[in-house]
N, C-alpha and C. Protein backbone atom coordinates (compact mmCIF):
# COMPACT_ATOMS: atom_id res chain seq x y z
N GLN A 1 -16.97 16.33 3.45
CA GLN A 1 -15.34 15.96 2.78
C GLN A 1 -15.36 14.66 2.34
N VAL A 2 -14.66 14.37 1.36
CA VAL A 2 -14.69 13.01 0.46
C VAL A 2 -13.08 12.57 0.85
N GLN A 3 -13.32 11.48 1.30
CA GLN A 3 -12.19 10.52 1.42
C GLN A 3 -11.94 9.42 0.51
N LEU A 4 -10.90 9.58 -0.19
CA LEU A 4 -10.40 8.29 -1.07
C LEU A 4 -9.27 7.44 -0.51
N VAL A 5 -9.80 6.24 -0.96
CA VAL A 5 -8.57 5.45 -0.36
C VAL A 5 -7.96 4.35 -1.56
N GLU A 6 -6.94 4.27 -1.72
CA GLU A 6 -6.77 3.64 -3.09
C GLU A 6 -5.87 2.29 -2.41
N SER A 7 -5.92 1.20 -3.39
CA SER A 7 -5.53 -0.05 -3.37
C SER A 7 -5.15 -0.89 -4.61
N GLY A 8 -4.42 -2.06 -4.13
CA GLY A 8 -4.47 -2.54 -5.65
C GLY A 8 -2.54 -2.67 -6.04
N GLY A 9 -2.12 -1.49 -5.43
CA GLY A 9 -0.46 -1.52 -6.05
C GLY A 9 0.14 -2.78 -5.75
N GLY A 10 1.54 -2.83 -5.73
CA GLY A 10 2.39 -3.80 -5.50
C GLY A 10 3.28 -3.78 -6.49
N LEU A 11 4.17 -5.04 -6.43
CA LEU A 11 5.67 -5.35 -7.24
C LEU A 11 4.98 -6.11 -8.27
N VAL A 12 5.37 -5.87 -9.69
CA VAL A 12 4.88 -6.72 -11.02
C VAL A 12 5.92 -6.88 -11.90
N GLN A 13 6.21 -8.08 -12.48
CA GLN A 13 7.19 -7.72 -13.93
C GLN A 13 6.61 -6.83 -15.17
N PRO A 14 7.55 -6.66 -15.44
CA PRO A 14 7.55 -5.87 -17.09
C PRO A 14 6.62 -6.80 -17.43
N GLY A 15 5.30 -6.10 -18.35
CA GLY A 15 4.59 -6.91 -19.62
C GLY A 15 3.14 -7.51 -18.35
N GLY A 16 3.14 -7.10 -17.22
CA GLY A 16 2.18 -7.93 -16.34
C GLY A 16 1.10 -7.11 -16.28
N SER A 17 0.40 -6.97 -15.17
CA SER A 17 -0.80 -5.83 -15.09
C SER A 17 -1.43 -6.11 -13.38
N LEU A 18 -1.98 -4.96 -13.36
CA LEU A 18 -2.40 -4.37 -11.74
C LEU A 18 -3.95 -4.17 -12.52
N ARG A 19 -4.50 -4.14 -10.99
CA ARG A 19 -5.76 -3.16 -11.41
C ARG A 19 -5.95 -2.49 -10.02
N LEU A 20 -5.75 -1.39 -9.91
CA LEU A 20 -5.82 -0.44 -8.72
C LEU A 20 -7.16 0.22 -8.68
N SER A 21 -7.36 -0.24 -6.94
CA SER A 21 -9.18 0.78 -6.76
C SER A 21 -9.14 1.86 -6.07
N CYS A 22 -9.81 2.86 -6.11
CA CYS A 22 -10.20 3.64 -5.36
C CYS A 22 -11.40 3.76 -5.01
N ALA A 23 -11.62 3.57 -3.39
CA ALA A 23 -13.16 3.54 -2.85
C ALA A 23 -13.31 5.01 -2.45
N ALA A 24 -14.40 5.48 -2.37
CA ALA A 24 -14.79 6.75 -1.95
C ALA A 24 -15.79 6.89 -0.96
N SER A 25 -15.68 7.89 0.27
CA SER A 25 -16.57 7.48 1.43
C SER A 25 -18.02 7.96 1.12
N GLU A 26 -18.35 8.48 -0.06
CA GLU A 26 -19.56 9.48 -0.68
C GLU A 26 -19.86 8.99 -1.94
N ASN A 27 -21.10 9.12 -2.13
CA ASN A 27 -22.04 8.52 -3.67
C ASN A 27 -20.72 9.42 -4.72
N ILE A 28 -20.32 8.60 -5.76
CA ILE A 28 -19.52 9.16 -6.22
C ILE A 28 -20.26 9.87 -7.89
N ASN A 29 -21.69 9.29 -7.49
CA ASN A 29 -22.44 10.27 -8.66
C ASN A 29 -22.57 11.90 -8.60
N SER A 30 -21.99 12.19 -7.22
CA SER A 30 -22.00 13.54 -7.07
C SER A 30 -21.04 14.21 -7.37
N ILE A 31 -19.61 13.38 -7.95
CA ILE A 31 -18.24 13.69 -8.33
C ILE A 31 -18.42 14.01 -10.01
N ALA A 32 -18.16 14.81 -9.97
CA ALA A 32 -17.92 15.38 -11.51
C ALA A 32 -16.87 14.79 -12.06
N VAL A 33 -15.77 14.57 -11.99
CA VAL A 33 -14.78 14.50 -12.26
C VAL A 33 -13.64 13.17 -11.39
N MET A 34 -13.41 12.32 -11.66
CA MET A 34 -12.04 11.50 -10.91
C MET A 34 -11.19 11.12 -11.45
N ARG A 35 -9.97 11.02 -11.59
CA ARG A 35 -8.69 10.86 -12.08
C ARG A 35 -7.57 10.33 -11.69
N TRP A 36 -6.78 9.44 -11.93
CA TRP A 36 -5.91 8.67 -11.32
C TRP A 36 -4.22 9.51 -11.38
N TYR A 37 -3.15 9.79 -10.90
CA TYR A 37 -2.18 10.47 -11.29
C TYR A 37 -0.83 9.95 -10.49
N ARG A 38 0.26 9.79 -10.98
CA ARG A 38 1.37 9.09 -10.53
C ARG A 38 2.58 10.30 -10.21
N GLN A 39 3.21 9.91 -9.43
CA GLN A 39 4.45 10.65 -9.16
C GLN A 39 5.52 9.32 -8.85
N ALA A 40 6.69 9.88 -9.88
CA ALA A 40 7.81 8.93 -9.74
C ALA A 40 8.86 9.46 -9.29
N PRO A 41 9.66 9.01 -8.14
CA PRO A 41 10.69 9.21 -7.78
C PRO A 41 11.56 10.85 -8.24
N GLY A 42 11.96 11.49 -7.95
CA GLY A 42 12.26 12.89 -8.42
C GLY A 42 11.55 13.56 -9.62
N LYS A 43 10.20 13.08 -9.88
CA LYS A 43 9.48 13.78 -11.31
C LYS A 43 8.12 14.00 -10.07
N GLN A 44 8.06 14.93 -11.12
CA GLN A 44 6.73 15.79 -10.65
C GLN A 44 5.01 14.97 -11.06
N ARG A 45 4.42 15.05 -10.39
CA ARG A 45 3.19 14.59 -10.20
C ARG A 45 2.53 14.47 -11.61
N GLU A 46 1.92 13.36 -12.27
CA GLU A 46 1.52 13.53 -13.60
C GLU A 46 0.34 12.91 -13.81
N LEU A 47 -0.69 13.35 -14.58
CA LEU A 47 -2.05 12.88 -14.78
C LEU A 47 -2.11 11.45 -15.52
N VAL A 48 -2.51 10.48 -15.08
CA VAL A 48 -2.94 9.16 -15.97
C VAL A 48 -3.93 9.22 -16.60
N ALA A 49 -4.85 8.93 -16.33
CA ALA A 49 -6.33 8.99 -16.44
C ALA A 49 -7.62 9.44 -15.86
N GLY A 50 -8.64 10.08 -16.40
CA GLY A 50 -9.47 10.60 -15.92
C GLY A 50 -10.81 10.04 -16.85
N ILE A 51 -11.84 10.15 -15.64
CA ILE A 51 -13.33 9.97 -15.83
C ILE A 51 -14.03 10.81 -15.55
N GLY A 52 -15.17 11.50 -16.39
CA GLY A 52 -16.17 12.10 -16.21
C GLY A 52 -17.42 11.58 -15.34
N SER A 53 -18.16 11.93 -15.18
CA SER A 53 -19.85 11.53 -14.42
C SER A 53 -20.47 10.62 -15.53
N LEU A 54 -20.00 11.06 -16.68
CA LEU A 54 -20.82 10.78 -17.85
C LEU A 54 -20.12 9.60 -18.44
N GLY A 55 -19.18 9.01 -17.94
CA GLY A 55 -18.12 8.26 -18.81
C GLY A 55 -17.16 8.53 -19.39
N ILE A 56 -17.45 9.77 -19.80
CA ILE A 56 -16.04 10.40 -20.79
C ILE A 56 -14.52 9.82 -20.35
N THR A 57 -13.72 9.28 -20.96
CA THR A 57 -12.49 9.25 -20.49
C THR A 57 -11.68 9.74 -21.04
N ASN A 58 -10.11 10.25 -20.57
CA ASN A 58 -9.24 10.75 -21.18
C ASN A 58 -8.00 9.99 -20.48
N TYR A 59 -6.97 9.90 -21.24
CA TYR A 59 -5.65 8.79 -21.22
C TYR A 59 -4.26 9.54 -21.31
N ALA A 60 -3.38 9.95 -20.45
CA ALA A 60 -2.20 10.30 -21.09
C ALA A 60 -1.27 9.79 -22.31
N ASP A 61 -0.71 10.19 -23.03
CA ASP A 61 -0.12 9.49 -24.31
C ASP A 61 0.58 8.49 -24.14
N SER A 62 1.06 8.41 -22.74
CA SER A 62 2.15 7.19 -22.67
C SER A 62 1.51 6.21 -21.80
N VAL A 63 -0.28 6.22 -21.46
CA VAL A 63 -0.41 5.06 -21.37
C VAL A 63 -1.66 4.48 -22.08
N LYS A 64 -1.96 5.46 -23.01
CA LYS A 64 -3.19 4.91 -24.23
C LYS A 64 -2.98 3.43 -24.51
N GLY A 65 -3.83 2.82 -24.50
CA GLY A 65 -4.04 1.47 -24.98
C GLY A 65 -3.08 0.43 -24.18
N ARG A 66 -2.94 0.83 -22.89
CA ARG A 66 -2.50 0.09 -22.05
C ARG A 66 -3.27 0.30 -20.66
N PHE A 67 -3.96 1.39 -20.56
CA PHE A 67 -4.57 1.31 -19.21
C PHE A 67 -6.09 2.07 -19.43
N THR A 68 -6.56 1.80 -18.83
CA THR A 68 -8.33 1.62 -18.58
C THR A 68 -8.93 2.09 -17.15
N ILE A 69 -9.39 3.40 -17.56
CA ILE A 69 -10.08 3.83 -16.35
C ILE A 69 -11.78 3.62 -16.29
N SER A 70 -12.24 3.22 -15.27
CA SER A 70 -13.70 3.03 -15.27
C SER A 70 -14.12 3.05 -13.71
N ARG A 71 -15.41 3.47 -13.50
CA ARG A 71 -16.10 4.18 -12.29
C ARG A 71 -17.44 3.19 -12.66
N ASP A 72 -17.57 2.35 -11.32
CA ASP A 72 -18.43 1.65 -10.48
C ASP A 72 -19.58 2.44 -9.17
N ASN A 73 -20.59 3.21 -10.11
CA ASN A 73 -20.91 3.84 -9.43
C ASN A 73 -21.73 3.28 -7.95
N ALA A 74 -22.49 1.86 -8.29
CA ALA A 74 -22.99 1.65 -7.19
C ALA A 74 -21.82 1.03 -5.97
N LYS A 75 -20.90 0.91 -6.60
CA LYS A 75 -19.79 0.81 -5.57
C LYS A 75 -18.87 1.49 -4.85
N ASN A 76 -19.00 2.75 -5.72
CA ASN A 76 -18.54 4.14 -5.27
C ASN A 76 -17.22 3.90 -5.53
N THR A 77 -16.77 3.63 -6.13
CA THR A 77 -15.14 3.29 -6.51
C THR A 77 -14.44 3.24 -8.46
N VAL A 78 -13.56 3.77 -8.54
CA VAL A 78 -13.29 3.89 -9.56
C VAL A 78 -11.64 3.10 -10.07
N TYR A 79 -11.69 2.61 -10.97
CA TYR A 79 -10.73 1.53 -11.13
C TYR A 79 -9.74 2.36 -12.18
N LEU A 80 -8.38 1.39 -11.82
CA LEU A 80 -6.86 1.75 -12.92
C LEU A 80 -6.91 0.47 -13.36
N GLN A 81 -7.16 -0.02 -14.47
CA GLN A 81 -6.50 -1.35 -15.29
C GLN A 81 -5.44 -0.96 -15.92
N MET A 82 -4.36 -1.96 -15.34
CA MET A 82 -2.80 -1.60 -16.16
C MET A 82 -2.69 -2.81 -16.35
N ASN A 83 -2.36 -3.00 -17.84
CA ASN A 83 -1.88 -3.67 -19.06
C ASN A 83 -0.15 -3.57 -19.16
N SER A 84 0.53 -4.44 -19.76
CA SER A 84 1.61 -4.03 -20.56
C SER A 84 2.74 -3.35 -19.32
N LEU A 85 2.17 -3.34 -17.97
CA LEU A 85 3.32 -2.74 -17.68
C LEU A 85 4.57 -2.18 -17.94
N LYS A 86 5.15 -1.21 -17.94
CA LYS A 86 6.32 -0.95 -18.20
C LYS A 86 7.44 -0.21 -17.34
N LEU A 87 8.50 -0.55 -17.49
CA LEU A 87 9.64 -0.03 -15.67
C LEU A 87 9.08 1.35 -15.67
N ASP A 88 8.99 2.27 -16.28
CA ASP A 88 8.84 3.58 -16.30
C ASP A 88 7.61 3.74 -15.72
N ASP A 89 6.67 2.73 -15.62
CA ASP A 89 5.22 2.84 -14.60
C ASP A 89 5.31 2.87 -13.41
N THR A 90 6.60 2.42 -12.79
CA THR A 90 7.08 2.51 -11.65
C THR A 90 6.42 3.90 -10.81
N ALA A 91 5.77 4.00 -9.94
CA ALA A 91 5.42 4.95 -9.17
C ALA A 91 4.40 5.03 -8.26
N VAL A 92 3.98 6.15 -7.36
CA VAL A 92 3.05 6.15 -6.40
C VAL A 92 1.94 6.49 -7.07
N TYR A 93 0.82 5.69 -7.05
CA TYR A 93 -0.86 6.28 -7.66
C TYR A 93 -1.26 6.76 -7.09
N TYR A 94 -1.90 7.92 -6.88
CA TYR A 94 -2.99 8.59 -6.48
C TYR A 94 -4.63 8.52 -6.96
N CYS A 95 -5.56 8.78 -6.44
CA CYS A 95 -7.05 8.81 -6.91
C CYS A 95 -6.89 10.36 -6.40
N TYR A 96 -7.66 11.11 -7.24
CA TYR A 96 -8.31 12.69 -7.20
C TYR A 96 -9.56 12.77 -7.52
N ALA A 97 -10.07 13.65 -6.67
CA ALA A 97 -11.60 13.91 -7.42
C ALA A 97 -12.05 14.95 -7.30
N ILE A 98 -12.85 15.79 -7.94
CA ILE A 98 -13.01 17.47 -8.05
C ILE A 98 -14.76 17.05 -7.83
N ARG A 99 -15.07 17.74 -6.44
CA ARG A 99 -16.91 17.96 -6.07
C ARG A 99 -16.78 19.55 -6.11
N GLY A 100 -17.75 20.43 -7.22
CA GLY A 100 -18.09 21.57 -6.86
C GLY A 100 -16.35 21.93 -6.77
N LEU A 101 -16.43 22.64 -5.86
CA LEU A 101 -14.69 23.64 -6.12
C LEU A 101 -14.23 22.83 -4.99
N LYS A 102 -13.90 21.93 -4.80
CA LYS A 102 -13.44 21.14 -3.72
C LYS A 102 -12.63 20.27 -4.12
N GLN A 103 -11.28 19.80 -3.80
CA GLN A 103 -10.57 18.83 -4.71
C GLN A 103 -9.74 17.86 -3.97
N TYR A 104 -10.00 16.18 -4.08
CA TYR A 104 -9.57 15.49 -2.82
C TYR A 104 -8.37 14.90 -3.64
N TRP A 105 -7.65 14.29 -2.31
CA TRP A 105 -6.67 13.11 -2.93
C TRP A 105 -6.84 12.14 -2.03
N GLY A 106 -6.15 10.70 -2.57
CA GLY A 106 -5.90 9.71 -1.72
C GLY A 106 -4.68 9.72 -1.11
N GLN A 107 -4.03 8.59 -0.28
CA GLN A 107 -3.10 8.88 -0.02
C GLN A 107 -1.95 8.05 -0.92
N GLY A 108 -2.68 7.52 -1.81
CA GLY A 108 -1.44 7.04 -2.90
C GLY A 108 -1.30 5.24 -2.29
N THR A 109 -0.77 4.72 -3.72
CA THR A 109 -0.58 3.04 -3.20
C THR A 109 0.85 2.93 -4.62
N GLN A 110 1.61 2.25 -3.81
CA GLN A 110 3.11 2.21 -4.87
C GLN A 110 2.74 0.79 -5.54
N VAL A 111 3.33 1.22 -6.84
CA VAL A 111 3.48 0.44 -7.96
C VAL A 111 5.08 0.65 -8.28
N THR A 112 5.17 -1.06 -8.41
CA THR A 112 6.79 -1.32 -9.11
C THR A 112 6.62 -2.41 -9.66
N VAL A 113 7.32 -1.67 -11.17
CA VAL A 113 7.65 -2.62 -12.14
C VAL A 113 8.88 -2.98 -12.01
N SER A 114 9.32 -4.20 -12.31
CA SER A 114 10.70 -4.56 -11.91
C SER A 114 10.78 -6.27 -12.49
N SER A 115 11.97 -6.57 -12.95
CA SER A 115 12.25 -7.67 -13.19
C SER A 115 13.05 -8.23 -12.25
């Protein structure tokens, strides 16, 4: 059982930055894919960014050029650096991991972009 704990959310003005962290309870070298999803009020959960064990990344079109996902295997942590934040980025952000046939979710962290 992999436990994922997100942190780093908060309130930020448009154009600002935040860095989210997802700390895993186990060695993430054994985790093939880690992703960030988000869910805004009244909307479906959507994929924001993903990173594979070899460091290959993918992003939603809406965040390309603004968000960067990275992983620190030594710290068992995945990060999401979010720059140039927009009002539409307001959501609960969830960390997600796949290991073998099992999927794991964190509890989420709120990001609110507001002036």
